[in-house]
C-alpha atoms as a PDB file:
ATOM      1  CA  MET A   1     -40.733 -15.633  90.197  1.00  0.00           C
ATOM      2  CA  ASN A   2     -42.403 -12.414  89.027  1.00  0.00           C
ATOM      3  CA  ALA A   3     -39.020 -10.836  88.203  1.00  0.00           C
ATOM      4  CA  ARG A   4     -38.056 -13.789  86.063  1.00  0.00           C
ATOM      5  CA  LEU A   5     -41.367 -13.675  84.163  1.00  0.00           C
ATOM      6  CA  HIS A   6     -41.023  -9.931  83.622  1.00  0.00           C
ATOM      7  CA  ALA A   7     -37.525 -10.404  82.099  1.00  0.00           C
ATOM      8  CA  THR A   8     -38.796 -13.121  79.824  1.00  0.00           C
ATOM      9  CA  LEU A   9     -41.671 -10.978  78.553  1.00  0.00           C
ATOM     10  CA  ASN A  10     -39.329  -8.057  77.801  1.00  0.00           C
ATOM     11  CA  ALA A  11     -36.747 -10.163  75.769  1.00  0.00           C
ATOM     12  CA  PRO A  12     -36.723  -9.311  72.005  1.00  0.00           C
ATOM     13  CA  LEU A  13     -38.457 -11.817  69.817  1.00  0.00           C
ATOM     14  CA  ALA A  14     -36.240 -13.627  67.211  1.00  0.00           C
ATOM     15  CA  THR A  15     -37.091 -12.769  63.589  1.00  0.00           C
ATOM     16  CA  PRO A  16     -38.440 -15.822  61.803  1.00  0.00           C
ATOM     17  CA  LEU A  17     -36.244 -17.256  59.055  1.00  0.00           C
ATOM     18  CA  ASP A  18     -38.847 -16.714  56.321  1.00  0.00           C
ATOM     19  CA  ILE A  19     -39.034 -13.019  57.216  1.00  0.00           C
ATOM     20  CA  LYS A  20     -35.243 -12.736  56.986  1.00  0.00           C
ATOM     21  CA  LEU A  21     -35.286 -14.354  53.551  1.00  0.00           C
ATOM     22  CA  MET A  22     -38.022 -12.004  52.378  1.00  0.00           C
ATOM     23  CA  ASN A  23     -36.011  -9.001  53.533  1.00  0.00           C
ATOM     24  CA  VAL A  24     -32.892 -10.231  51.731  1.00  0.00           C
ATOM     25  CA  MET A  25     -34.834 -10.883  48.532  1.00  0.00           C
ATOM     26  CA  SER A  26     -36.452  -7.443  48.721  1.00  0.00           C
ATOM     27  CA  SER A  27     -33.037  -5.808  49.068  1.00  0.00           C
ATOM     28  CA  LEU A  28     -31.647  -7.787  46.145  1.00  0.00           C
ATOM     29  CA  MET A  29     -34.642  -6.942  43.953  1.00  0.00           C
ATOM     30  CA  LEU A  30     -34.352  -3.266  44.802  1.00  0.00           C
ATOM     31  CA  THR A  31     -30.620  -3.310  44.021  1.00  0.00           C
ATOM     32  CA  GLY A  32     -31.305  -5.113  40.728  1.00  0.00           C
ATOM     33  CA  VAL A  33     -33.938  -2.576  39.716  1.00  0.00           C
ATOM     34  CA  VAL A  34     -31.557   0.298  40.494  1.00  0.00           C
ATOM     35  CA  LEU A  35     -28.765  -1.352  38.475  1.00  0.00           C
ATOM     36  CA  LEU A  36     -31.126  -1.967  35.549  1.00  0.00           C
ATOM     37  CA  LEU A  37     -32.204   1.661  35.606  1.00  0.00           C
ATOM     38  CA  ILE A  38     -28.579   2.807  35.668  1.00  0.00           C
ATOM     39  CA  ALA A  39     -27.698   0.438  32.801  1.00  0.00           C
ATOM     40  CA  ALA A  40     -30.690   1.642  30.758  1.00  0.00           C
ATOM     41  CA  PHE A  41     -29.685   5.244  31.358  1.00  0.00           C
ATOM     42  CA  LEU A  42     -26.108   4.571  30.276  1.00  0.00           C
ATOM     43  CA  TRP A  43     -27.361   2.624  27.229  1.00  0.00           C
ATOM     44  CA  TRP A  44     -29.460   5.623  26.250  1.00  0.00           C
ATOM     45  CA  LEU A  45     -26.672   8.096  27.040  1.00  0.00           C
ATOM     46  CA  VAL A  46     -23.921   6.474  24.973  1.00  0.00           C
ATOM     47  CA  ARG A  47     -26.201   6.346  21.931  1.00  0.00           C
ATOM     48  CA  LEU A  48     -26.955  10.018  21.848  1.00  0.00           C
ATOM     49  CA  PRO A  49     -26.228  11.563  18.418  1.00  0.00           C
ATOM     50  CA  VAL A  50     -23.577  13.797  19.978  1.00  0.00           C
ATOM     51  CA  PHE A  51     -21.346  10.739  20.431  1.00  0.00           C
ATOM     52  CA  ALA A  52     -21.629   9.497  16.828  1.00  0.00           C
ATOM     53  CA  LEU A  53     -18.188   9.476  15.201  1.00  0.00           C
ATOM     54  CA  ALA A  54     -17.833  12.779  13.403  1.00  0.00           C
ATOM     55  CA  GLY A  55     -14.202  12.753  12.298  1.00  0.00           C
ATOM     56  CA  ILE A  56     -10.760  11.193  12.352  1.00  0.00           C
ATOM     57  CA  THR A  57      -7.577  13.051  13.212  1.00  0.00           C
ATOM     58  CA  VAL A  58      -4.605  11.471  11.439  1.00  0.00           C
ATOM     59  CA  ARG A  59      -1.008  12.079  12.499  1.00  0.00           C
ATOM     60  CA  GLY A  60       2.366  10.475  11.847  1.00  0.00           C
ATOM     61  CA  ASP A  61       3.539   9.199   8.453  1.00  0.00           C
ATOM     62  CA  VAL A  62       0.839  10.554   6.179  1.00  0.00           C
ATOM     63  CA  GLU A  63       2.764  11.175   2.969  1.00  0.00           C
ATOM     64  CA  HIS A  64       0.865   8.346   1.236  1.00  0.00           C
ATOM     65  CA  HIS A  65      -2.561   9.223   2.668  1.00  0.00           C
ATOM     66  CA  ASN A  66      -4.705  12.322   3.059  1.00  0.00           C
ATOM     67  CA  ALA A  67      -8.023  12.987   4.744  1.00  0.00           C
ATOM     68  CA  VAL A  68      -9.977  12.113   1.590  1.00  0.00           C
ATOM     69  CA  THR A  69      -8.384   8.678   1.115  1.00  0.00           C
ATOM     70  CA  VAL A  70      -8.676   7.852   4.812  1.00  0.00           C
ATOM     71  CA  ARG A  71     -12.353   8.836   4.874  1.00  0.00           C
ATOM     72  CA  ALA A  72     -13.087   6.872   1.709  1.00  0.00           C
ATOM     73  CA  ASN A  73     -11.248   3.692   2.753  1.00  0.00           C
ATOM     74  CA  VAL A  74     -11.638   3.566   6.522  1.00  0.00           C
ATOM     75  CA  ALA A  75     -14.780   5.377   7.692  1.00  0.00           C
ATOM     76  CA  PRO A  76     -17.287   2.962   6.044  1.00  0.00           C
ATOM     77  CA  LYS A  77     -15.598   0.035   7.822  1.00  0.00           C
ATOM     78  CA  LEU A  78     -15.840   1.508  11.331  1.00  0.00           C
ATOM     79  CA  GLN A  79     -18.798   0.391  13.451  1.00  0.00           C
ATOM     80  CA  GLY A  80     -20.208   2.024  16.570  1.00  0.00           C
ATOM     81  CA  ASN A  81     -19.813   5.447  18.122  1.00  0.00           C
ATOM     82  CA  PHE A  82     -17.282   7.106  20.414  1.00  0.00           C
ATOM     83  CA  PHE A  83     -18.007   4.658  23.250  1.00  0.00           C
ATOM     84  CA  THR A  84     -18.798   1.457  21.363  1.00  0.00           C
ATOM     85  CA  VAL A  85     -16.282   1.453  18.483  1.00  0.00           C
ATOM     86  CA  ASP A  86     -13.829  -1.457  18.748  1.00  0.00           C
ATOM     87  CA  LEU A  87     -10.378   0.169  18.807  1.00  0.00           C
ATOM     88  CA  ASN A  88      -8.629  -3.100  17.957  1.00  0.00           C
ATOM     89  CA  GLN A  89     -10.849  -3.606  14.917  1.00  0.00           C
ATOM     90  CA  ALA A  90     -10.292   0.033  13.947  1.00  0.00           C
ATOM     91  CA  ARG A  91      -6.529  -0.442  14.201  1.00  0.00           C
ATOM     92  CA  GLN A  92      -6.714  -3.429  11.859  1.00  0.00           C
ATOM     93  CA  VAL A  93      -8.701  -1.366   9.352  1.00  0.00           C
ATOM     94  CA  PHE A  94      -6.069   1.379   9.347  1.00  0.00           C
ATOM     95  CA  GLU A  95      -3.251  -1.148   9.063  1.00  0.00           C
ATOM     96  CA  GLY A  96      -5.001  -2.563   6.014  1.00  0.00           C
ATOM     97  CA  LEU A  97      -4.264   0.650   4.122  1.00  0.00           C
ATOM     98  CA  PRO A  98      -1.363   0.543   1.651  1.00  0.00           C
ATOM     99  CA  TRP A  99       1.976   1.630   3.142  1.00  0.00           C
ATOM    100  CA  VAL A 100       0.700   1.517   6.744  1.00  0.00           C
ATOM    101  CA  ARG A 101       2.846  -0.710   8.977  1.00  0.00           C
ATOM    102  CA  HIS A 102       1.350   0.187  12.345  1.00  0.00           C
ATOM    103  CA  ALA A 103      -1.535   2.317  13.610  1.00  0.00           C
ATOM    104  CA  LEU A 104      -2.240   3.622  17.106  1.00  0.00           C
ATOM    105  CA  VAL A 105      -5.957   4.439  17.522  1.00  0.00           C
ATOM    106  CA  GLN A 106      -7.322   6.439  20.476  1.00  0.00           C
ATOM    107  CA  ARG A 107     -10.647   8.056  21.351  1.00  0.00           C
ATOM    108  CA  GLU A 108     -10.853  11.855  21.248  1.00  0.00           C
ATOM    109  CA  PHE A 109     -13.838  13.082  23.286  1.00  0.00           C
ATOM    110  CA  PRO A 110     -16.624  13.514  22.431  1.00  0.00           C
ATOM    111  CA  ASN A 111     -16.943  12.118  18.900  1.00  0.00           C
ATOM    112  CA  ARG A 112     -13.580  11.694  17.138  1.00  0.00           C
ATOM    113  CA  LEU A 113     -10.805   9.158  16.725  1.00  0.00           C
ATOM    114  CA  ARG A 114      -7.137  10.099  16.867  1.00  0.00           C
ATOM    115  CA  VAL A 115      -4.812   7.925  14.776  1.00  0.00           C
ATOM    116  CA  VAL A 116      -1.022   7.909  14.587  1.00  0.00           C
ATOM    117  CA  LEU A 117       0.283   6.061  11.524  1.00  0.00           C
ATOM    118  CA  GLN A 118       3.680   4.469  11.047  1.00  0.00           C
ATOM    119  CA  ALA A 119       4.494   3.829   7.393  1.00  0.00           C
ATOM    120  CA  HIS A 120       6.611   1.098   5.851  1.00  0.00           C
ATOM    121  CA  SER A 121      10.097   2.266   4.901  1.00  0.00           C
ATOM    122  CA  PRO A 122      10.908   0.333   1.700  1.00  0.00           C
ATOM    123  CA  VAL A 123      14.483  -0.811   1.143  1.00  0.00           C
ATOM    124  CA  ALA A 124      14.050  -3.273  -1.739  1.00  0.00           C
ATOM    125  CA  TYR A 125      11.646  -4.939  -4.128  1.00  0.00           C
ATOM    126  CA  TRP A 126      10.660  -8.427  -3.052  1.00  0.00           C
ATOM    127  CA  GLY A 127      10.101 -11.438  -5.278  1.00  0.00           C
ATOM    128  CA  ALA A 128       9.863 -11.646  -9.041  1.00  0.00           C
ATOM    129  CA  GLU A 129       9.235  -8.599 -11.186  1.00  0.00           C
ATOM    130  CA  GLY A 130       5.566  -7.754 -11.522  1.00  0.00           C
ATOM    131  CA  GLU A 131       4.575  -9.027  -8.083  1.00  0.00           C
ATOM    132  CA  GLY A 132       4.290  -5.497  -6.700  1.00  0.00           C
ATOM    133  CA  ARG A 133       5.755  -6.392  -3.327  1.00  0.00           C
ATOM    134  CA  LEU A 134       8.379  -4.635  -1.245  1.00  0.00           C
ATOM    135  CA  ILE A 135      10.425  -5.317   1.869  1.00  0.00           C
ATOM    136  CA  ASN A 136      10.791  -2.730   4.626  1.00  0.00           C
ATOM    137  CA  SER A 137      13.714  -1.871   6.889  1.00  0.00           C
ATOM    138  CA  GLN A 138      12.452  -4.408   9.463  1.00  0.00           C
ATOM    139  CA  GLY A 139      12.640  -7.226   6.925  1.00  0.00           C
ATOM    140  CA  GLU A 140       8.849  -7.438   6.535  1.00  0.00           C
ATOM    141  CA  VAL A 141       7.216  -8.051   3.156  1.00  0.00           C
ATOM    142  CA  PHE A 142       4.283  -5.818   2.203  1.00  0.00           C
ATOM    143  CA  GLU A 143       2.236  -4.869  -0.832  1.00  0.00           C
ATOM    144  CA  ALA A 144       1.920  -1.307  -2.094  1.00  0.00           C
ATOM    145  CA  ASN A 145       1.386   0.758  -5.207  1.00  0.00           C
ATOM    146  CA  LEU A 146       4.848   0.850  -6.751  1.00  0.00           C
ATOM    147  CA  GLY A 147       3.905   4.102  -8.474  1.00  0.00           C
ATOM    148  CA  ASP A 148       4.100   5.781  -5.057  1.00  0.00           C
ATOM    149  CA  LEU A 149       7.797   4.965  -4.688  1.00  0.00           C
ATOM    150  CA  GLU A 150      10.026   8.002  -4.401  1.00  0.00           C
ATOM    151  CA  ASP A 151      13.085   5.920  -5.296  1.00  0.00           C
ATOM    152  CA  ASP A 152      12.487   3.288  -7.953  1.00  0.00           C
ATOM    153  CA  GLU A 153      16.173   2.274  -8.134  1.00  0.00           C
ATOM    154  CA  LEU A 154      15.821  -0.196  -5.302  1.00  0.00           C
ATOM    155  CA  PRO A 155      17.584  -3.582  -5.262  1.00  0.00           C
ATOM    156  CA  ARG A 156      15.521  -6.723  -5.717  1.00  0.00           C
ATOM    157  CA  LEU A 157      15.597  -9.450  -3.079  1.00  0.00           C
ATOM    158  CA  SER A 158      13.835 -12.781  -3.227  1.00  0.00           C
ATOM    159  CA  GLY A 159      13.412 -15.961  -1.249  1.00  0.00           C
ATOM    160  CA  PRO A 160      10.811 -17.674   0.941  1.00  0.00           C
ATOM    161  CA  ASP A 161       8.536 -15.084   2.555  1.00  0.00           C
ATOM    162  CA  ASN A 162       9.208 -16.484   6.023  1.00  0.00           C
ATOM    163  CA  GLN A 163      12.945 -15.806   5.543  1.00  0.00           C
ATOM    164  CA  SER A 164      12.644 -12.233   4.310  1.00  0.00           C
ATOM    165  CA  ALA A 165      14.442 -10.814   7.374  1.00  0.00           C
ATOM    166  CA  GLU A 166      17.314 -13.260   6.841  1.00  0.00           C
ATOM    167  CA  VAL A 167      17.606 -12.258   3.181  1.00  0.00           C
ATOM    168  CA  LEU A 168      17.699  -8.558   4.075  1.00  0.00           C
ATOM    169  CA  ALA A 169      20.379  -9.176   6.722  1.00  0.00           C
ATOM    170  CA  MET A 170      22.511 -11.065   4.183  1.00  0.00           C
ATOM    171  CA  TYR A 171      22.072  -8.280   1.630  1.00  0.00           C
ATOM    172  CA  GLN A 172      23.227  -5.689   4.152  1.00  0.00           C
ATOM    173  CA  ALA A 173      26.261  -7.814   5.035  1.00  0.00           C
ATOM    174  CA  LEU A 174      27.277  -8.304   1.374  1.00  0.00           C
ATOM    175  CA  GLN A 175      26.564  -4.787   0.121  1.00  0.00           C
ATOM    176  CA  GLN A 176      29.886  -3.155   0.993  1.00  0.00           C
ATOM    177  CA  PRO A 177      32.317  -5.986   0.094  1.00  0.00           C
ATOM    178  CA  ALA A 178      30.486  -6.657  -3.184  1.00  0.00           C
ATOM    179  CA  SER A 179      30.958  -3.031  -4.269  1.00  0.00           C
ATOM    180  CA  VAL A 180      34.674  -3.753  -4.788  1.00  0.00           C
ATOM    181  CA  LEU A 181      33.700  -5.945  -7.749  1.00  0.00           C
ATOM    182  CA  GLY A 182      32.448  -2.917  -9.676  1.00  0.00           C
ATOM    183  CA  GLY A 183      28.949  -1.504  -9.613  1.00  0.00           C
ATOM    184  CA  VAL A 184      26.307  -1.865  -6.928  1.00  0.00           C
ATOM    185  CA  LEU A 185      24.735  -4.981  -5.458  1.00  0.00           C
ATOM    186  CA  MET A 186      21.277  -4.829  -7.053  1.00  0.00           C
ATOM    187  CA  GLY A 187      19.931  -8.329  -6.459  1.00  0.00           C
ATOM    188  CA  LEU A 188      20.132 -11.150  -3.944  1.00  0.00           C
ATOM    189  CA  ASP A 189      18.281 -14.446  -4.272  1.00  0.00           C
ATOM    190  CA  LEU A 190      17.888 -17.216  -1.721  1.00  0.00           C
ATOM    191  CA  THR A 191      17.014 -20.282  -3.782  1.00  0.00           C
ATOM    192  CA  PRO A 192      14.643 -23.022  -2.565  1.00  0.00           C
ATOM    193  CA  ARG A 193      17.744 -25.157  -1.919  1.00  0.00           C
ATOM    194  CA  GLY A 194      19.208 -22.505   0.384  1.00  0.00           C
ATOM    195  CA  SER A 195      21.879 -21.199  -1.992  1.00  0.00           C
ATOM    196  CA  TRP A 196      22.695 -17.493  -2.325  1.00  0.00           C
ATOM    197  CA  ARG A 197      23.013 -15.693  -5.668  1.00  0.00           C
ATOM    198  CA  VAL A 198      24.123 -12.074  -6.166  1.00  0.00           C
ATOM    199  CA  THR A 199      23.410  -9.804  -9.131  1.00  0.00           C
ATOM    200  CA  MET A 200      25.468  -6.634  -9.627  1.00  0.00           C
ATOM    201  CA  SER A 201      24.361  -3.456 -11.399  1.00  0.00           C
ATOM    202  CA  SER A 202      26.959  -4.311 -14.063  1.00  0.00           C
ATOM    203  CA  GLY A 203      24.999  -7.465 -14.836  1.00  0.00           C
ATOM    204  CA  ALA A 204      27.510  -9.814 -13.205  1.00  0.00           C
ATOM    205  CA  ARG A 205      26.007 -12.805 -11.403  1.00  0.00           C
ATOM    206  CA  ILE A 206      27.831 -14.492  -8.539  1.00  0.00           C
ATOM    207  CA  GLU A 207      26.901 -17.863  -7.102  1.00  0.00           C
ATOM    208  CA  LEU A 208      27.804 -17.795  -3.406  1.00  0.00           C
ATOM    209  CA  GLY A 209      26.554 -21.220  -2.372  1.00  0.00           C
ATOM    210  CA  ARG A 210      24.981 -22.201   0.912  1.00  0.00           C
ATOM    211  CA  GLY A 211      26.027 -21.466   4.462  1.00  0.00           C
ATOM    212  CA  SER A 212      25.964 -18.898   7.224  1.00  0.00           C
ATOM    213  CA  THR A 213      26.689 -15.203   6.737  1.00  0.00           C
ATOM    214  CA  THR A 214      30.278 -15.766   7.904  1.00  0.00           C
ATOM    215  CA  GLU A 215      30.848 -18.623   5.439  1.00  0.00           C
ATOM    216  CA  VAL A 216      29.352 -16.675   2.529  1.00  0.00           C
ATOM    217  CA  LEU A 217      31.396 -13.575   3.370  1.00  0.00           C
ATOM    218  CA  GLU A 218      34.587 -15.667   3.470  1.00  0.00           C
ATOM    219  CA  ARG A 219      33.942 -16.937  -0.058  1.00  0.00           C
ATOM    220  CA  LEU A 220      33.181 -13.462  -1.337  1.00  0.00           C
ATOM    221  CA  ASP A 221      36.310 -12.102   0.363  1.00  0.00           C
ATOM    222  CA  THR A 222      38.412 -14.663  -1.500  1.00  0.00           C
ATOM    223  CA  LEU A 223      36.984 -13.430  -4.807  1.00  0.00           C
ATOM    224  CA  VAL A 224      37.419  -9.761  -3.863  1.00  0.00           C
ATOM    225  CA  ARG A 225      41.094 -10.275  -2.877  1.00  0.00           C
ATOM    226  CA  THR A 226      42.131 -12.310  -5.893  1.00  0.00           C
ATOM    227  CA  LEU A 227      39.968 -11.008  -8.760  1.00  0.00           C
ATOM    228  CA  PRO A 228      42.120  -7.927  -9.521  1.00  0.00           C
ATOM    229  CA  GLN A 229      45.173 -10.156 -10.108  1.00  0.00           C
ATOM    230  CA  VAL A 230      43.217 -12.681 -12.170  1.00  0.00           C
ATOM    231  CA  ALA A 231      41.610  -9.948 -14.280  1.00  0.00           C
ATOM    232  CA  SER A 232      45.007  -8.297 -14.851  1.00  0.00           C
ATOM    233  CA  ARG A 233      46.510 -11.562 -16.112  1.00  0.00           C
ATOM    234  CA  LEU A 234      43.647 -11.837 -18.572  1.00  0.00           C
ATOM    235  CA  GLY A 235      44.137  -8.260 -19.726  1.00  0.00           C
ATOM    236  CA  ARG A 236      40.839  -7.146 -18.267  1.00  0.00           C
ATOM    237  CA  LYS A 237      39.525  -4.920 -15.480  1.00  0.00           C
ATOM    238  CA  VAL A 238      37.493  -6.116 -12.539  1.00  0.00           C
ATOM    239  CA  SER A 239      34.422  -4.491 -14.087  1.00  0.00           C
ATOM    240  CA  ALA A 240      34.635  -7.020 -16.938  1.00  0.00           C
ATOM    241  CA  LEU A 241      33.333  -9.727 -14.615  1.00  0.00           C
ATOM    242  CA  GLU A 242      30.283 -11.483 -16.079  1.00  0.00           C
ATOM    243  CA  ALA A 243      29.851 -14.397 -13.714  1.00  0.00           C
ATOM    244  CA  ALA A 244      31.552 -16.174 -10.856  1.00  0.00           C
ATOM    245  CA  ASP A 245      30.797 -19.483  -9.158  1.00  0.00           C
ATOM    246  CA  LEU A 246      32.175 -19.726  -5.623  1.00  0.00           C
ATOM    247  CA  ARG A 247      30.627 -23.103  -4.831  1.00  0.00           C
ATOM    248  CA  TYR A 248      33.991 -24.888  -4.960  1.00  0.00           C
ATOM    249  CA  ASP A 249      36.074 -25.979  -1.985  1.00  0.00           C
ATOM    250  CA  THR A 250      39.446 -24.987  -3.426  1.00  0.00           C
ATOM    251  CA  GLY A 251      38.693 -22.095  -5.770  1.00  0.00           C
ATOM    252  CA  TYR A 252      36.114 -20.548  -8.066  1.00  0.00           C
ATOM    253  CA  ALA A 253      35.090 -20.354 -11.702  1.00  0.00           C
ATOM    254  CA  LEU A 254      35.008 -17.081 -13.638  1.00  0.00           C
ATOM    255  CA  ARG A 255      33.621 -15.676 -16.850  1.00  0.00           C
ATOM    256  CA  MET A 256      34.990 -12.334 -18.039  1.00  0.00           C
ATOM    257  CA  ARG A 257      33.785 -10.237 -20.957  1.00  0.00           C
ATOM    258  CA  GLY A 258      36.043 -10.643 -23.972  1.00  0.00           C
ATOM    259  CA  VAL A 259      37.777 -13.738 -22.575  1.00  0.00           C
ATOM    260  CA  THR A 260      37.100 -17.219 -23.918  1.00  0.00           C
ATOM    261  CA  THR A 261      38.614 -20.619 -23.372  1.00  0.00           C
ATOM    262  CA  VAL A 262      37.663 -21.723 -26.881  1.00  0.00           C
ATOM    263  CA  ASP A 263      40.488 -21.873 -29.444  1.00  0.00           C
ATOM    264  CA  PRO A 264      39.571 -19.489 -32.315  1.00  0.00           C
ATOM    265  CA  GLN A 265      41.154 -21.926 -34.808  1.00  0.00           C
ATOM    266  CA  GLN A 266      38.806 -24.661 -33.620  1.00  0.00           C
ATOM    267  CA  VAL A 267      35.848 -22.311 -34.015  1.00  0.00           C
ATOM    268  CA  LYS A 268      36.817 -21.690 -37.662  1.00  0.00           C
ATOM    269  CA  LYS A 269      36.850 -25.434 -38.347  1.00  0.00           C
END
């Protein structure tokens, strides 16, 4: 009996539930205070003047931009310091510069940004004259100062903006076969009705009609193969072509310089 009582008196007492809860809450509060102190320290640290953006290193295609233009156009639009600046927003600011197609923006410790620019590579004017728009080698339409063009003898393409890549692809497909007609392919229009129209450097205009690239090329090939014979019969060279309409199922219509279907005697009357 005494042994049993002695064992009972020596058994550890169970911690009351309210004490356990108080201990847990104390631990959580202590952890929260430590985290708040760490956060406050970091908040203070990242806002030290040493981390304020002090410069921008620009690499890549910079022929249209220098440090002065970048500083004048971009720096005022950047918000935050080395740690807090939004790189995605900064990228959009750089891509808003004329001629810039893509920008890669990275942090450069402790207080600079490093930017790699990719410029548009223009291959043609886009739209009507005076619009000041160009199309790049990826078929994308962009706006730029046309005075910055190194080559102003670019062809002019036009059509719906959302089909610019299709227009460029058609131009590239027609460029070589059209050169047989004399001159250089200097214009290609995709009309609102989906019809293709070519303008040569000689001034000749060719209506190609609607259809896929294969169908349009087949029509143009028919003209290329037969025009030398037709021009010879009319006593003219291929370069005398003024206009052609290929929108016929069984042939095409032509207009050649110096050739008329009007009887001169009738004109005199």
